[in-house]
Amino acid sequence: VGPDLPEAELDDLVRRGLRSYARY
């Protein structure tokens, strides 16, 4: 996503990523 994405939005992306991995 690059350096400009705010940390809070990256936190949300990581959470969604882990949910996607768990769904797999």
PDB file of all heavy atoms in Angstrom:
ATOM      1  N   VAL A   1       0.814  -1.223   0.000  1.00  0.00           N
ATOM      2  CA  VAL A   1       0.000   0.000   0.000  1.00  0.00           C
ATOM      3  C   VAL A   1       0.842   1.264   0.000  1.00  0.00           C
ATOM      4  O   VAL A   1       0.325   2.357  -0.266  1.00  0.00           O
ATOM      5  CB  VAL A   1      -0.958   0.017   1.206  1.00  0.00           C
ATOM      6  CG1 VAL A   1      -1.897  -1.177   1.153  1.00  0.00           C
ATOM      7  CG2 VAL A   1      -0.187   0.024   2.541  1.00  0.00           C
ATOM      8  N   GLY A   2       2.138   1.156   0.303  1.00  0.00           N
ATOM      9  CA  GLY A   2       3.004   2.318   0.288  1.00  0.00           C
ATOM     10  C   GLY A   2       3.036   3.039   1.627  1.00  0.00           C
ATOM     11  O   GLY A   2       2.273   2.732   2.549  1.00  0.00           O
ATOM     12  N   PRO A   3       3.922   4.023   1.745  1.00  0.00           N
ATOM     13  CA  PRO A   3       4.159   4.687   3.044  1.00  0.00           C
ATOM     14  C   PRO A   3       3.089   5.675   3.451  1.00  0.00           C
ATOM     15  O   PRO A   3       3.079   6.125   4.606  1.00  0.00           O
ATOM     16  CB  PRO A   3       5.498   5.388   2.814  1.00  0.00           C
ATOM     17  CG  PRO A   3       5.509   5.679   1.334  1.00  0.00           C
ATOM     18  CD  PRO A   3       4.824   4.512   0.689  1.00  0.00           C
ATOM     19  N   ASP A   4       2.200   6.065   2.549  1.00  0.00           N
ATOM     20  CA  ASP A   4       1.273   7.154   2.858  1.00  0.00           C
ATOM     21  C   ASP A   4      -0.004   6.704   3.548  1.00  0.00           C
ATOM     22  O   ASP A   4      -0.746   7.546   4.072  1.00  0.00           O
ATOM     23  CB  ASP A   4       0.909   7.908   1.575  1.00  0.00           C
ATOM     24  CG  ASP A   4       2.119   8.597   0.943  1.00  0.00           C
ATOM     25  OD1 ASP A   4       3.057   8.937   1.698  1.00  0.00           O
ATOM     26  OD2 ASP A   4       2.134   8.781  -0.292  1.00  0.00           O
ATOM     27  N   LEU A   5      -0.303   5.407   3.549  1.00  0.00           N
ATOM     28  CA  LEU A   5      -1.519   4.944   4.208  1.00  0.00           C
ATOM     29  C   LEU A   5      -1.391   5.142   5.718  1.00  0.00           C
ATOM     30  O   LEU A   5      -0.412   4.686   6.324  1.00  0.00           O
ATOM     31  CB  LEU A   5      -1.765   3.464   3.904  1.00  0.00           C
ATOM     32  CG  LEU A   5      -3.114   2.913   4.392  1.00  0.00           C
ATOM     33  CD1 LEU A   5      -4.237   3.400   3.489  1.00  0.00           C
ATOM     34  CD2 LEU A   5      -3.089   1.382   4.425  1.00  0.00           C
ATOM     35  N   PRO A   6      -2.343   5.802   6.350  1.00  0.00           N
ATOM     36  CA  PRO A   6      -2.266   6.023   7.802  1.00  0.00           C
ATOM     37  C   PRO A   6      -2.201   4.705   8.575  1.00  0.00           C
ATOM     38  O   PRO A   6      -2.733   3.683   8.135  1.00  0.00           O
ATOM     39  CB  PRO A   6      -3.560   6.782   8.117  1.00  0.00           C
ATOM     40  CG  PRO A   6      -3.948   7.432   6.819  1.00  0.00           C
ATOM     41  CD  PRO A   6      -3.510   6.474   5.751  1.00  0.00           C
ATOM     42  N   GLU A   7      -1.545   4.755   9.728  1.00  0.00           N
ATOM     43  CA  GLU A   7      -1.357   3.543  10.528  1.00  0.00           C
ATOM     44  C   GLU A   7      -2.680   2.897  10.916  1.00  0.00           C
ATOM     45  O   GLU A   7      -2.795   1.664  10.940  1.00  0.00           O
ATOM     46  CB  GLU A   7      -0.543   3.867  11.788  1.00  0.00           C
ATOM     47  CG  GLU A   7       0.914   4.195  11.513  1.00  0.00           C
ATOM     48  CD  GLU A   7       1.663   3.016  10.919  1.00  0.00           C
ATOM     49  OE1 GLU A   7       1.548   1.900  11.439  1.00  0.00           O
ATOM     50  OE2 GLU A   7       2.364   3.225   9.902  1.00  0.00           O
ATOM     51  N   ALA A   8      -3.682   3.703  11.243  1.00  0.00           N
ATOM     52  CA  ALA A   8      -4.975   3.142  11.634  1.00  0.00           C
ATOM     53  C   ALA A   8      -5.600   2.358  10.483  1.00  0.00           C
ATOM     54  O   ALA A   8      -6.222   1.307  10.694  1.00  0.00           O
ATOM     55  CB  ALA A   8      -5.915   4.247  12.095  1.00  0.00           C
ATOM     56  N   GLU A   9      -5.437   2.853   9.245  1.00  0.00           N
ATOM     57  CA  GLU A   9      -5.978   2.142   8.092  1.00  0.00           C
ATOM     58  C   GLU A   9      -5.179   0.877   7.808  1.00  0.00           C
ATOM     59  O   GLU A   9      -5.736  -0.133   7.376  1.00  0.00           O
ATOM     60  CB  GLU A   9      -6.001   3.067   6.873  1.00  0.00           C
ATOM     61  CG  GLU A   9      -6.978   4.220   7.015  1.00  0.00           C
ATOM     62  CD  GLU A   9      -7.042   5.085   5.768  1.00  0.00           C
ATOM     63  OE1 GLU A   9      -6.900   4.532   4.652  1.00  0.00           O
ATOM     64  OE2 GLU A   9      -7.221   6.314   5.907  1.00  0.00           O
ATOM     65  N   LEU A  10      -3.875   0.929   8.067  1.00  0.00           N
ATOM     66  CA  LEU A  10      -3.074  -0.282   7.920  1.00  0.00           C
ATOM     67  C   LEU A  10      -3.478  -1.318   8.966  1.00  0.00           C
ATOM     68  O   LEU A  10      -3.551  -2.517   8.663  1.00  0.00           O
ATOM     69  CB  LEU A  10      -1.594   0.044   8.038  1.00  0.00           C
ATOM     70  CG  LEU A  10      -0.626  -1.134   7.852  1.00  0.00           C
ATOM     71  CD1 LEU A  10      -0.784  -1.765   6.462  1.00  0.00           C
ATOM     72  CD2 LEU A  10       0.813  -0.692   8.083  1.00  0.00           C
ATOM     73  N   ASP A  11      -3.755  -0.869  10.185  1.00  0.00           N
ATOM     74  CA  ASP A  11      -4.238  -1.786  11.228  1.00  0.00           C
ATOM     75  C   ASP A  11      -5.494  -2.515  10.749  1.00  0.00           C
ATOM     76  O   ASP A  11      -5.637  -3.736  10.934  1.00  0.00           O
ATOM     77  CB  ASP A  11      -4.558  -1.027  12.515  1.00  0.00           C
ATOM     78  CG  ASP A  11      -3.310  -0.534  13.238  1.00  0.00           C
ATOM     79  OD1 ASP A  11      -2.224  -1.062  12.964  1.00  0.00           O
ATOM     80  OD2 ASP A  11      -3.442   0.386  14.070  1.00  0.00           O
ATOM     81  N   ASP A  12      -6.411  -1.772  10.168  1.00  0.00           N
ATOM     82  CA  ASP A  12      -7.654  -2.365   9.681  1.00  0.00           C
ATOM     83  C   ASP A  12      -7.386  -3.350   8.548  1.00  0.00           C
ATOM     84  O   ASP A  12      -8.000  -4.424   8.480  1.00  0.00           O
ATOM     85  CB  ASP A  12      -8.610  -1.263   9.216  1.00  0.00           C
ATOM     86  CG  ASP A  12      -9.923  -1.820   8.689  1.00  0.00           C
ATOM     87  OD1 ASP A  12     -10.678  -2.412   9.491  1.00  0.00           O
ATOM     88  OD2 ASP A  12     -10.181  -1.689   7.480  1.00  0.00           O
ATOM     89  N   LEU A  13      -6.446  -2.992   7.665  1.00  0.00           N
ATOM     90  CA  LEU A  13      -6.102  -3.880   6.557  1.00  0.00           C
ATOM     91  C   LEU A  13      -5.500  -5.181   7.069  1.00  0.00           C
ATOM     92  O   LEU A  13      -5.825  -6.272   6.579  1.00  0.00           O
ATOM     93  CB  LEU A  13      -5.123  -3.179   5.609  1.00  0.00           C
ATOM     94  CG  LEU A  13      -4.633  -3.986   4.408  1.00  0.00           C
ATOM     95  CD1 LEU A  13      -5.793  -4.426   3.523  1.00  0.00           C
ATOM     96  CD2 LEU A  13      -3.628  -3.164   3.591  1.00  0.00           C
ATOM     97  N   VAL A  14      -4.632  -5.090   8.070  1.00  0.00           N
ATOM     98  CA  VAL A  14      -4.033  -6.294   8.653  1.00  0.00           C
ATOM     99  C   VAL A  14      -5.117  -7.169   9.278  1.00  0.00           C
ATOM    100  O   VAL A  14      -5.114  -8.402   9.100  1.00  0.00           O
ATOM    101  CB  VAL A  14      -2.965  -5.924   9.695  1.00  0.00           C
ATOM    102  CG1 VAL A  14      -2.509  -7.162  10.468  1.00  0.00           C
ATOM    103  CG2 VAL A  14      -1.772  -5.258   9.014  1.00  0.00           C
ATOM    104  N   ARG A  15      -6.048  -6.564   9.973  1.00  0.00           N
ATOM    105  CA  ARG A  15      -7.133  -7.340  10.590  1.00  0.00           C
ATOM    106  C   ARG A  15      -7.958  -8.051   9.521  1.00  0.00           C
ATOM    107  O   ARG A  15      -8.287  -9.241   9.659  1.00  0.00           O
ATOM    108  CB  ARG A  15      -8.017  -6.428  11.432  1.00  0.00           C
ATOM    109  CG  ARG A  15      -9.156  -7.165  12.144  1.00  0.00           C
ATOM    110  CD  ARG A  15      -9.854  -6.280  13.167  1.00  0.00           C
ATOM    111  NE  ARG A  15     -10.333  -5.026  12.590  1.00  0.00           N
ATOM    112  CZ  ARG A  15      -9.779  -3.833  12.835  1.00  0.00           C
ATOM    113  NH1 ARG A  15      -8.718  -3.738  13.624  1.00  0.00           N
ATOM    114  NH2 ARG A  15     -10.269  -2.757  12.286  1.00  0.00           N
ATOM    115  N   ARG A  16      -8.275  -7.337   8.441  1.00  0.00           N
ATOM    116  CA  ARG A  16      -9.029  -7.975   7.362  1.00  0.00           C
ATOM    117  C   ARG A  16      -8.211  -9.066   6.686  1.00  0.00           C
ATOM    118  O   ARG A  16      -8.748 -10.089   6.245  1.00  0.00           O
ATOM    119  CB  ARG A  16      -9.483  -6.920   6.351  1.00  0.00           C
ATOM    120  CG  ARG A  16     -10.592  -6.016   6.885  1.00  0.00           C
ATOM    121  CD  ARG A  16     -11.115  -5.055   5.845  1.00  0.00           C
ATOM    122  NE  ARG A  16     -10.183  -3.969   5.567  1.00  0.00           N
ATOM    123  CZ  ARG A  16      -9.713  -3.644   4.378  1.00  0.00           C
ATOM    124  NH1 ARG A  16     -10.076  -4.351   3.301  1.00  0.00           N
ATOM    125  NH2 ARG A  16      -8.878  -2.637   4.235  1.00  0.00           N
ATOM    126  N   GLY A  17      -6.889  -8.834   6.593  1.00  0.00           N
ATOM    127  CA  GLY A  17      -6.027  -9.850   6.012  1.00  0.00           C
ATOM    128  C   GLY A  17      -6.001 -11.127   6.830  1.00  0.00           C
ATOM    129  O   GLY A  17      -6.035 -12.235   6.290  1.00  0.00           O
ATOM    130  N   LEU A  18      -5.937 -10.992   8.139  1.00  0.00           N
ATOM    131  CA  LEU A  18      -5.942 -12.169   9.005  1.00  0.00           C
ATOM    132  C   LEU A  18      -7.296 -12.867   8.974  1.00  0.00           C
ATOM    133  O   LEU A  18      -7.376 -14.106   9.038  1.00  0.00           O
ATOM    134  CB  LEU A  18      -5.570 -11.763  10.426  1.00  0.00           C
ATOM    135  CG  LEU A  18      -4.099 -11.359  10.601  1.00  0.00           C
ATOM    136  CD1 LEU A  18      -3.889 -10.695  11.951  1.00  0.00           C
ATOM    137  CD2 LEU A  18      -3.169 -12.571  10.446  1.00  0.00           C
ATOM    138  N   ARG A  19      -8.361 -12.098   8.870  1.00  0.00           N
ATOM    139  CA  ARG A  19      -9.680 -12.723   8.724  1.00  0.00           C
ATOM    140  C   ARG A  19      -9.772 -13.497   7.413  1.00  0.00           C
ATOM    141  O   ARG A  19     -10.363 -14.587   7.368  1.00  0.00           O
ATOM    142  CB  ARG A  19     -10.772 -11.655   8.780  1.00  0.00           C
ATOM    143  CG  ARG A  19     -11.052 -11.109  10.170  1.00  0.00           C
ATOM    144  CD  ARG A  19     -12.234 -10.150  10.152  1.00  0.00           C
ATOM    145  NE  ARG A  19     -12.627  -9.755  11.508  1.00  0.00           N
ATOM    146  CZ  ARG A  19     -13.729  -9.060  11.796  1.00  0.00           C
ATOM    147  NH1 ARG A  19     -14.536  -8.680  10.811  1.00  0.00           N
ATOM    148  NH2 ARG A  19     -14.014  -8.747  13.047  1.00  0.00           N
ATOM    149  N   SER A  20      -9.207 -12.958   6.352  1.00  0.00           N
ATOM    150  CA  SER A  20      -9.203 -13.659   5.068  1.00  0.00           C
ATOM    151  C   SER A  20      -8.406 -14.952   5.163  1.00  0.00           C
ATOM    152  O   SER A  20      -8.813 -16.008   4.652  1.00  0.00           O
ATOM    153  CB  SER A  20      -8.608 -12.753   3.980  1.00  0.00           C
ATOM    154  OG  SER A  20      -8.495 -13.433   2.753  1.00  0.00           O
ATOM    155  N   TYR A  21      -7.263 -14.900   5.838  1.00  0.00           N
ATOM    156  CA  TYR A  21      -6.432 -16.091   6.010  1.00  0.00           C
ATOM    157  C   TYR A  21      -7.171 -17.141   6.837  1.00  0.00           C
ATOM    158  O   TYR A  21      -7.147 -18.345   6.523  1.00  0.00           O
ATOM    159  CB  TYR A  21      -5.123 -15.684   6.693  1.00  0.00           C
ATOM    160  CG  TYR A  21      -4.080 -16.771   6.781  1.00  0.00           C
ATOM    161  CD1 TYR A  21      -3.810 -17.604   5.707  1.00  0.00           C
ATOM    162  CD2 TYR A  21      -3.340 -16.939   7.951  1.00  0.00           C
ATOM    163  CE1 TYR A  21      -2.831 -18.592   5.800  1.00  0.00           C
ATOM    164  CE2 TYR A  21      -2.365 -17.921   8.053  1.00  0.00           C
ATOM    165  CZ  TYR A  21      -2.125 -18.743   6.971  1.00  0.00           C
ATOM    166  OH  TYR A  21      -1.166 -19.726   7.058  1.00  0.00           O
ATOM    167  N   ALA A  22      -7.854 -16.704   7.893  1.00  0.00           N
ATOM    168  CA  ALA A  22      -8.638 -17.633   8.704  1.00  0.00           C
ATOM    169  C   ALA A  22      -9.773 -18.239   7.882  1.00  0.00           C
ATOM    170  O   ALA A  22     -10.089 -19.431   8.010  1.00  0.00           O
ATOM    171  CB  ALA A  22      -9.201 -16.910   9.927  1.00  0.00           C
ATOM    172  N   ARG A  23     -10.381 -17.440   7.028  1.00  0.00           N
ATOM    173  CA  ARG A  23     -11.448 -17.960   6.168  1.00  0.00           C
ATOM    174  C   ARG A  23     -10.906 -19.031   5.234  1.00  0.00           C
ATOM    175  O   ARG A  23     -11.579 -20.043   4.986  1.00  0.00           O
ATOM    176  CB  ARG A  23     -12.080 -16.819   5.369  1.00  0.00           C
ATOM    177  CG  ARG A  23     -13.154 -17.278   4.398  1.00  0.00           C
ATOM    178  CD  ARG A  23     -13.816 -16.115   3.694  1.00  0.00           C
ATOM    179  NE  ARG A  23     -14.724 -16.585   2.635  1.00  0.00           N
ATOM    180  CZ  ARG A  23     -15.495 -15.784   1.897  1.00  0.00           C
ATOM    181  NH1 ARG A  23     -15.488 -14.477   2.124  1.00  0.00           N
ATOM    182  NH2 ARG A  23     -16.274 -16.293   0.965  1.00  0.00           N
ATOM    183  N   TYR A  24      -9.684 -18.814   4.706  1.00  0.00           N
ATOM    184  CA  TYR A  24      -9.081 -19.843   3.859  1.00  0.00           C
ATOM    185  C   TYR A  24      -9.000 -21.177   4.605  1.00  0.00           C
ATOM    186  O   TYR A  24      -9.386 -22.227   4.090  1.00  0.00           O
ATOM    187  CB  TYR A  24      -7.684 -19.426   3.386  1.00  0.00           C
ATOM    188  CG  TYR A  24      -6.865 -20.620   2.965  1.00  0.00           C
ATOM    189  CD1 TYR A  24      -7.140 -21.262   1.762  1.00  0.00           C
ATOM    190  CD2 TYR A  24      -5.875 -21.150   3.796  1.00  0.00           C
ATOM    191  CE1 TYR A  24      -6.421 -22.395   1.393  1.00  0.00           C
ATOM    192  CE2 TYR A  24      -5.164 -22.273   3.434  1.00  0.00           C
ATOM    193  CZ  TYR A  24      -5.442 -22.895   2.232  1.00  0.00           C
ATOM    194  OH  TYR A  24      -4.759 -24.025   1.873  1.00  0.00           O
TER     195      TYR A  24
END
